[in-house]
Amino acid sequence: MKISRWLPFALATPVLWGVWGALTEYPEKWISPPFPATLGYVVWSLTMIPVVLFVLWRNKWKVDISARSILYGSAVGFSGAAGQLLLFWVLTRGPAYIIFPIICLSPAVTILLSATLLRERARGIATLGILLSMPAIFLLALQEPDSSPVHGHLWLVLAILIFLLWGVQAYFMKSSADSISSEDLFFYMTLTGLLLTPIAFWMTDFSAPINWGLKGAPLTALIQSLNAWGCLLFVLAVRYGKAIIVVPMVNGLFPVVTITLSLVVYHTLPTRLNLLGILLALGAILLMALDEVHNERPVEVKPKMTEADSMNY
């Protein structure tokens, strides 16, 4: 049985992101004084540096500085990083139990754009898997209503904007395959994330107590490095596979890992709707993976070839 090149990347990504998702709130919510999430973004951007250095080393330290590469790489990086920064602000103005179900459905944007503009198609039971993944992701993101104050309606508009940004990001990853290598794409993603760190500093309330000890930045760096390496694997999964398959698979599986670990680490029980989402997600992922393993033909991608492109990661 031939294993598609993208499948190991698509399965490893949600493992890393799932562990990251379970632990990422620990420095902010489970230690005193906390380490704010905005500074967590700064630490995350710095943890991308070792990953991009690894990528550049594999690429013989070459970087394409053409306008096309800069444009595509910055578009992917900005759409992801800007969405993350907006999320910090949105969560201070609106209820998380409404915000997360909205933004978690961003794969629907990727699927729509990939199917209409890139002409990607799913075959057989993979189509059923895609259809099951949407309600699964929604159910996995549902949270119990809380008493957090709601400030105006701008948070809702920005939540929808994040939904669009993250959906477009994965589409750009795939649509740029003919114009920029995976190595150059990840380099510009990292650079864009670093350029937005001053905004994260500006968003931080330094008048509040901040944990500057080992449980602050060092622990956050360890946790955020999981996200950074997951980003690289996600790029490779999308570039080598079909976005309409990879994106819902990753976004459906990593919340399952997060919920499972949260149960172990924080003794947080999932709701019945979360459990239903887990079952749907596992079923959807199984259908997509089995269909692609047995039926997929190599996806013809013509990126700008480098020596590293011909080597397996």
Protein backbone atom coordinates (compact mmCIF):
# COMPACT_ATOMS: atom_id res chain seq x y z
CA MET A 1 0.00 0.00 0.00
CA LYS A 2 1.48 3.32 -1.11
CA ILE A 3 1.39 6.15 1.44
CA SER A 4 0.83 9.57 -0.07
CA ARG A 5 3.62 12.04 0.57
CA TRP A 6 1.36 14.57 2.27
CA LEU A 7 -0.32 12.16 4.68
CA PRO A 8 2.45 11.84 7.32
CA PHE A 9 2.71 15.65 7.46
CA ALA A 10 -1.08 16.00 7.75
CA LEU A 11 -1.21 13.49 10.63
CA ALA A 12 1.84 14.84 12.49
CA THR A 13 0.65 18.47 12.35
CA PRO A 14 -2.47 18.01 14.52
CA VAL A 15 -0.46 16.00 17.04
CA LEU A 16 1.92 18.93 17.56
CA TRP A 17 -0.88 21.51 17.41
CA GLY A 18 -3.09 19.42 19.66
CA VAL A 19 -0.45 19.26 22.40
CA TRP A 20 0.21 22.98 21.88
CA GLY A 21 -3.51 23.72 22.13
CA ALA A 22 -3.80 21.84 25.42
CA LEU A 23 -0.81 23.59 26.98
CA THR A 24 -0.85 27.04 25.41
CA GLU A 25 -3.18 28.58 28.03
CA TYR A 26 -1.15 27.24 30.94
CA PRO A 27 1.23 30.22 31.28
CA GLU A 28 -1.68 32.65 31.03
CA LYS A 29 -4.39 30.99 33.12
CA TRP A 30 -2.81 28.38 35.36
CA ILE A 31 0.16 30.16 36.92
CA SER A 32 0.35 33.24 39.12
CA PRO A 33 1.22 35.83 38.08
CA PRO A 34 0.31 34.91 34.50
CA PHE A 35 2.29 35.34 31.30
CA PRO A 36 -0.07 37.24 28.94
CA ALA A 37 -1.07 35.79 25.59
CA THR A 38 0.15 38.86 23.70
CA LEU A 39 3.67 38.23 24.96
CA GLY A 40 3.03 34.59 24.10
CA TYR A 41 2.68 35.73 20.49
CA VAL A 42 6.07 37.44 20.71
CA VAL A 43 7.64 34.26 22.07
CA TRP A 44 5.95 32.20 19.34
CA SER A 45 7.40 34.45 16.62
CA LEU A 46 10.85 33.94 18.13
CA THR A 47 10.42 30.15 18.25
CA MET A 48 9.87 30.25 14.50
CA ILE A 49 13.51 31.33 14.07
CA PRO A 50 15.12 27.91 14.87
CA VAL A 51 12.62 26.26 12.52
CA VAL A 52 13.32 28.65 9.65
CA LEU A 53 17.07 28.26 10.22
CA PHE A 54 16.61 24.50 9.80
CA VAL A 55 14.65 25.14 6.61
CA LEU A 56 17.30 27.52 5.25
CA TRP A 57 20.05 25.03 6.10
CA ARG A 58 18.24 22.36 4.09
CA ASN A 59 17.94 24.88 1.26
CA LYS A 60 21.68 25.72 1.22
CA TRP A 61 20.93 29.14 2.79
CA LYS A 62 19.28 30.36 -0.39
CA VAL A 63 16.30 32.76 -0.32
CA ASP A 64 14.37 33.95 -3.36
CA ILE A 65 13.99 37.74 -3.08
CA SER A 66 11.86 38.17 -6.19
CA ALA A 67 8.72 40.29 -5.89
CA ARG A 68 6.51 37.28 -6.55
CA SER A 69 8.03 35.25 -3.70
CA ILE A 70 7.85 38.17 -1.28
CA LEU A 71 4.23 38.82 -2.22
CA TYR A 72 3.05 35.23 -1.81
CA GLY A 73 5.09 34.58 1.32
CA SER A 74 3.93 37.79 2.98
CA ALA A 75 0.31 37.12 2.06
CA VAL A 76 0.43 33.72 3.76
CA GLY A 77 2.30 35.03 6.78
CA PHE A 78 0.24 38.16 7.25
CA SER A 79 -3.12 36.40 6.96
CA GLY A 80 -2.13 33.93 9.68
CA ALA A 81 -0.30 36.27 12.07
CA ALA A 82 -2.79 39.12 11.71
CA GLY A 83 -5.63 36.73 12.48
CA GLN A 84 -3.83 35.61 15.64
CA LEU A 85 -3.28 39.18 16.83
CA LEU A 86 -6.90 40.12 16.12
CA LEU A 87 -8.03 37.10 18.11
CA PHE A 88 -6.29 38.42 21.26
CA TRP A 89 -8.27 41.66 21.02
CA VAL A 90 -11.56 40.00 20.02
CA LEU A 91 -11.50 37.70 23.05
CA THR A 92 -11.38 40.75 25.34
CA ARG A 93 -14.50 42.20 23.75
CA GLY A 94 -16.75 39.27 22.92
CA PRO A 95 -17.78 35.84 24.24
CA ALA A 96 -15.40 33.00 23.43
CA TYR A 97 -18.27 30.52 23.09
CA ILE A 98 -19.46 32.45 20.01
CA ILE A 99 -16.08 33.53 18.64
CA PHE A 100 -14.41 30.11 18.42
CA PRO A 101 -17.25 28.34 16.54
CA ILE A 102 -17.11 31.15 13.97
CA ILE A 103 -13.39 31.15 13.30
CA CYS A 104 -13.00 27.37 13.49
CA LEU A 105 -15.01 27.00 10.28
CA SER A 106 -12.31 28.78 8.26
CA PRO A 107 -11.57 25.49 6.39
CA ALA A 108 -14.88 26.09 4.58
CA VAL A 109 -13.29 29.15 2.94
CA THR A 110 -10.24 27.12 1.90
CA ILE A 111 -12.41 24.34 0.49
CA LEU A 112 -14.57 26.78 -1.46
CA LEU A 113 -11.61 28.65 -2.96
CA SER A 114 -9.66 25.48 -3.73
CA ALA A 115 -12.62 23.81 -5.40
CA THR A 116 -13.61 26.84 -7.51
CA LEU A 117 -10.26 28.47 -8.33
CA LEU A 118 -7.81 25.56 -8.18
CA ARG A 119 -10.30 22.98 -9.46
CA GLU A 120 -9.40 20.54 -6.70
CA ARG A 121 -11.76 17.61 -6.40
CA ALA A 122 -12.30 14.89 -3.83
CA ARG A 123 -13.30 11.40 -4.85
CA GLY A 124 -15.43 8.71 -3.32
CA ILE A 125 -15.66 8.52 0.45
CA ALA A 126 -13.26 11.48 0.83
CA THR A 127 -16.14 13.74 -0.16
CA LEU A 128 -18.23 12.34 2.68
CA GLY A 129 -15.28 12.88 5.01
CA ILE A 130 -15.11 16.56 4.03
CA LEU A 131 -18.84 16.98 4.61
CA LEU A 132 -18.58 15.36 8.05
CA SER A 133 -15.58 17.47 9.01
CA MET A 134 -17.46 20.77 8.98
CA PRO A 135 -20.03 19.96 11.70
CA ALA A 136 -17.30 18.07 13.58
CA ILE A 137 -15.02 21.13 13.73
CA PHE A 138 -17.95 23.32 14.75
CA LEU A 139 -18.96 20.98 17.58
CA LEU A 140 -15.38 20.68 18.79
CA ALA A 141 -15.12 24.46 19.09
CA LEU A 142 -18.29 24.88 21.12
CA GLN A 143 -17.75 26.18 24.64
CA GLU A 144 -20.01 26.69 27.60
CA PRO A 145 -21.53 30.20 27.82
CA ASP A 146 -19.84 32.39 30.40
CA SER A 147 -20.49 35.73 32.05
CA SER A 148 -17.73 37.64 30.27
CA PRO A 149 -18.82 41.20 29.43
CA VAL A 150 -19.58 41.98 25.80
CA HIS A 151 -18.39 45.31 24.39
CA GLY A 152 -20.26 46.51 21.29
CA HIS A 153 -20.42 44.56 18.04
CA LEU A 154 -17.00 45.16 16.50
CA TRP A 155 -15.76 41.87 17.98
CA LEU A 156 -18.25 39.99 15.77
CA VAL A 157 -17.05 41.74 12.62
CA LEU A 158 -13.43 41.01 13.50
CA ALA A 159 -14.23 37.37 14.33
CA ILE A 160 -15.64 37.00 10.82
CA LEU A 161 -12.51 38.70 9.46
CA ILE A 162 -10.31 36.16 11.28
CA PHE A 163 -12.47 33.38 9.81
CA LEU A 164 -11.75 34.76 6.34
CA LEU A 165 -8.05 35.41 6.94
CA TRP A 166 -7.32 31.88 8.16
CA GLY A 167 -9.33 30.34 5.34
CA VAL A 168 -7.51 32.42 2.72
CA GLN A 169 -4.12 31.62 4.27
CA ALA A 170 -4.33 27.90 3.50
CA TYR A 171 -5.59 28.67 0.00
CA PHE A 172 -2.57 30.93 -0.63
CA MET A 173 -0.27 28.15 0.59
CA LYS A 174 -1.58 25.90 -2.14
CA SER A 175 -2.14 28.40 -4.94
CA SER A 176 1.43 29.72 -4.63
CA ALA A 177 2.99 26.30 -5.23
CA ASP A 178 3.89 27.16 -8.83
CA SER A 179 5.56 30.42 -7.84
CA ILE A 180 7.48 29.90 -4.60
CA SER A 181 9.22 26.98 -2.93
CA SER A 182 8.14 25.67 0.46
CA GLU A 183 11.40 26.93 1.97
CA ASP A 184 10.96 30.48 0.71
CA LEU A 185 7.30 30.48 1.73
CA PHE A 186 8.14 29.52 5.29
CA PHE A 187 10.94 32.10 5.44
CA TYR A 188 8.56 34.94 4.55
CA MET A 189 5.89 33.57 6.91
CA THR A 190 8.41 33.77 9.74
CA LEU A 191 9.57 37.25 8.75
CA THR A 192 5.99 38.55 8.62
CA GLY A 193 5.23 37.12 12.06
CA LEU A 194 8.31 38.83 13.50
CA LEU A 195 7.38 42.16 11.92
CA LEU A 196 4.04 42.11 13.76
CA THR A 197 5.60 41.63 17.21
CA PRO A 198 5.60 45.40 18.02
CA ILE A 199 1.82 45.31 17.79
CA ALA A 200 1.71 42.44 20.29
CA PHE A 201 3.93 44.46 22.65
CA TRP A 202 1.60 47.45 22.25
CA MET A 203 -1.42 45.24 23.09
CA THR A 204 0.19 43.99 26.32
CA ASP A 205 -0.90 45.50 29.62
CA PHE A 206 2.45 45.93 31.36
CA SER A 207 0.78 47.52 34.39
CA ALA A 208 -0.56 44.09 35.37
CA PRO A 209 1.65 41.50 37.13
CA ILE A 210 3.63 39.43 34.61
CA ASN A 211 5.52 36.23 35.32
CA TRP A 212 9.13 36.83 34.27
CA GLY A 213 10.38 33.59 35.83
CA LEU A 214 10.94 30.16 34.32
CA LYS A 215 7.17 29.64 34.06
CA GLY A 216 6.88 32.74 31.91
CA ALA A 217 8.84 33.14 28.68
CA PRO A 218 10.93 29.90 28.90
CA LEU A 219 7.92 27.65 29.45
CA THR A 220 5.96 29.56 26.82
CA ALA A 221 8.82 29.09 24.34
CA LEU A 222 8.80 25.35 24.93
CA ILE A 223 5.06 25.20 24.32
CA GLN A 224 5.06 27.57 21.34
CA SER A 225 7.84 25.64 19.62
CA LEU A 226 5.27 22.87 19.08
CA ASN A 227 3.18 25.37 17.14
CA ALA A 228 6.20 26.55 15.14
CA TRP A 229 7.21 23.07 13.97
CA GLY A 230 3.56 22.28 13.33
CA CYS A 231 3.39 25.30 11.01
CA LEU A 232 6.21 23.87 8.91
CA LEU A 233 4.54 20.47 8.68
CA PHE A 234 1.23 22.12 7.76
CA VAL A 235 2.88 24.03 4.92
CA LEU A 236 4.37 20.81 3.56
CA ALA A 237 1.08 18.92 3.93
CA VAL A 238 -0.86 21.57 2.00
CA ARG A 239 1.82 21.92 -0.70
CA TYR A 240 2.03 18.17 -1.39
CA GLY A 241 -1.63 17.30 -0.92
CA LYS A 242 -5.02 18.71 -1.77
CA ALA A 243 -6.05 21.67 0.34
CA ILE A 244 -9.67 20.51 0.36
CA ILE A 245 -8.49 17.31 2.08
CA VAL A 246 -5.57 18.46 4.21
CA VAL A 247 -7.13 21.53 5.82
CA PRO A 248 -10.31 19.92 7.20
CA MET A 249 -8.32 16.86 8.26
CA VAL A 250 -5.83 18.90 10.29
CA ASN A 251 -8.45 21.25 11.71
CA GLY A 252 -10.66 18.35 12.67
CA LEU A 253 -8.01 16.23 14.35
CA PHE A 254 -5.99 18.69 16.41
CA PRO A 255 -8.97 19.76 18.63
CA VAL A 256 -9.52 16.07 19.36
CA VAL A 257 -5.94 15.82 20.64
CA THR A 258 -6.36 19.07 22.60
CA ILE A 259 -9.61 17.97 24.28
CA THR A 260 -8.15 14.57 25.17
CA LEU A 261 -5.02 16.08 26.73
CA SER A 262 -7.04 18.74 28.54
CA LEU A 263 -9.01 15.95 30.17
CA VAL A 264 -5.76 14.41 31.44
CA VAL A 265 -3.92 17.62 32.38
CA TYR A 266 -6.71 19.85 33.67
CA HIS A 267 -9.41 17.24 34.37
CA THR A 268 -11.72 19.22 32.09
CA LEU A 269 -14.58 17.10 30.84
CA PRO A 270 -15.78 17.71 27.27
CA THR A 271 -19.44 18.44 26.72
CA ARG A 272 -21.75 15.99 24.97
CA LEU A 273 -21.56 18.14 21.84
CA ASN A 274 -17.76 18.06 22.03
CA LEU A 275 -17.89 14.26 22.28
CA LEU A 276 -20.15 14.12 19.25
CA GLY A 277 -17.68 16.35 17.45
CA ILE A 278 -14.83 13.98 18.34
CA LEU A 279 -16.70 11.00 16.89
CA LEU A 280 -17.58 12.89 13.70
CA ALA A 281 -14.01 14.18 13.34
CA LEU A 282 -12.48 10.74 13.74
CA GLY A 283 -14.91 9.30 11.23
CA ALA A 284 -14.26 12.12 8.75
CA ILE A 285 -10.48 11.81 9.04
CA LEU A 286 -10.63 8.03 8.62
CA LEU A 287 -12.72 8.39 5.45
CA MET A 288 -10.44 11.04 3.93
CA ALA A 289 -7.24 9.22 4.79
CA LEU A 290 -8.39 5.82 3.56
CA ASP A 291 -9.72 7.18 0.28
CA GLU A 292 -6.59 9.19 -0.43
CA VAL A 293 -4.22 6.36 0.50
CA HIS A 294 -5.92 3.94 -1.86
CA ASN A 295 -6.89 6.21 -4.72
CA GLU A 296 -4.71 9.31 -4.84
CA ARG A 297 -2.57 10.00 -7.85
CA PRO A 298 0.45 12.24 -7.41
CA VAL A 299 -0.52 15.90 -7.39
CA GLU A 300 1.34 17.71 -10.13
CA VAL A 301 2.99 20.70 -8.53
CA LYS A 302 5.65 22.72 -10.25
CA PRO A 303 7.30 24.87 -7.63
CA LYS A 304 10.56 26.65 -8.12
CA MET A 305 12.83 23.67 -7.63
CA THR A 306 15.78 23.69 -5.32
CA GLU A 307 18.04 20.90 -4.18
CA ALA A 308 16.11 20.72 -0.91
CA ASP A 309 12.84 20.30 -2.80
CA SER A 310 14.05 16.99 -4.16
CA MET A 311 14.88 15.66 -0.72
CA ASN A 312 12.43 14.23 1.75
CA TYR A 313 12.10 16.01 5.08
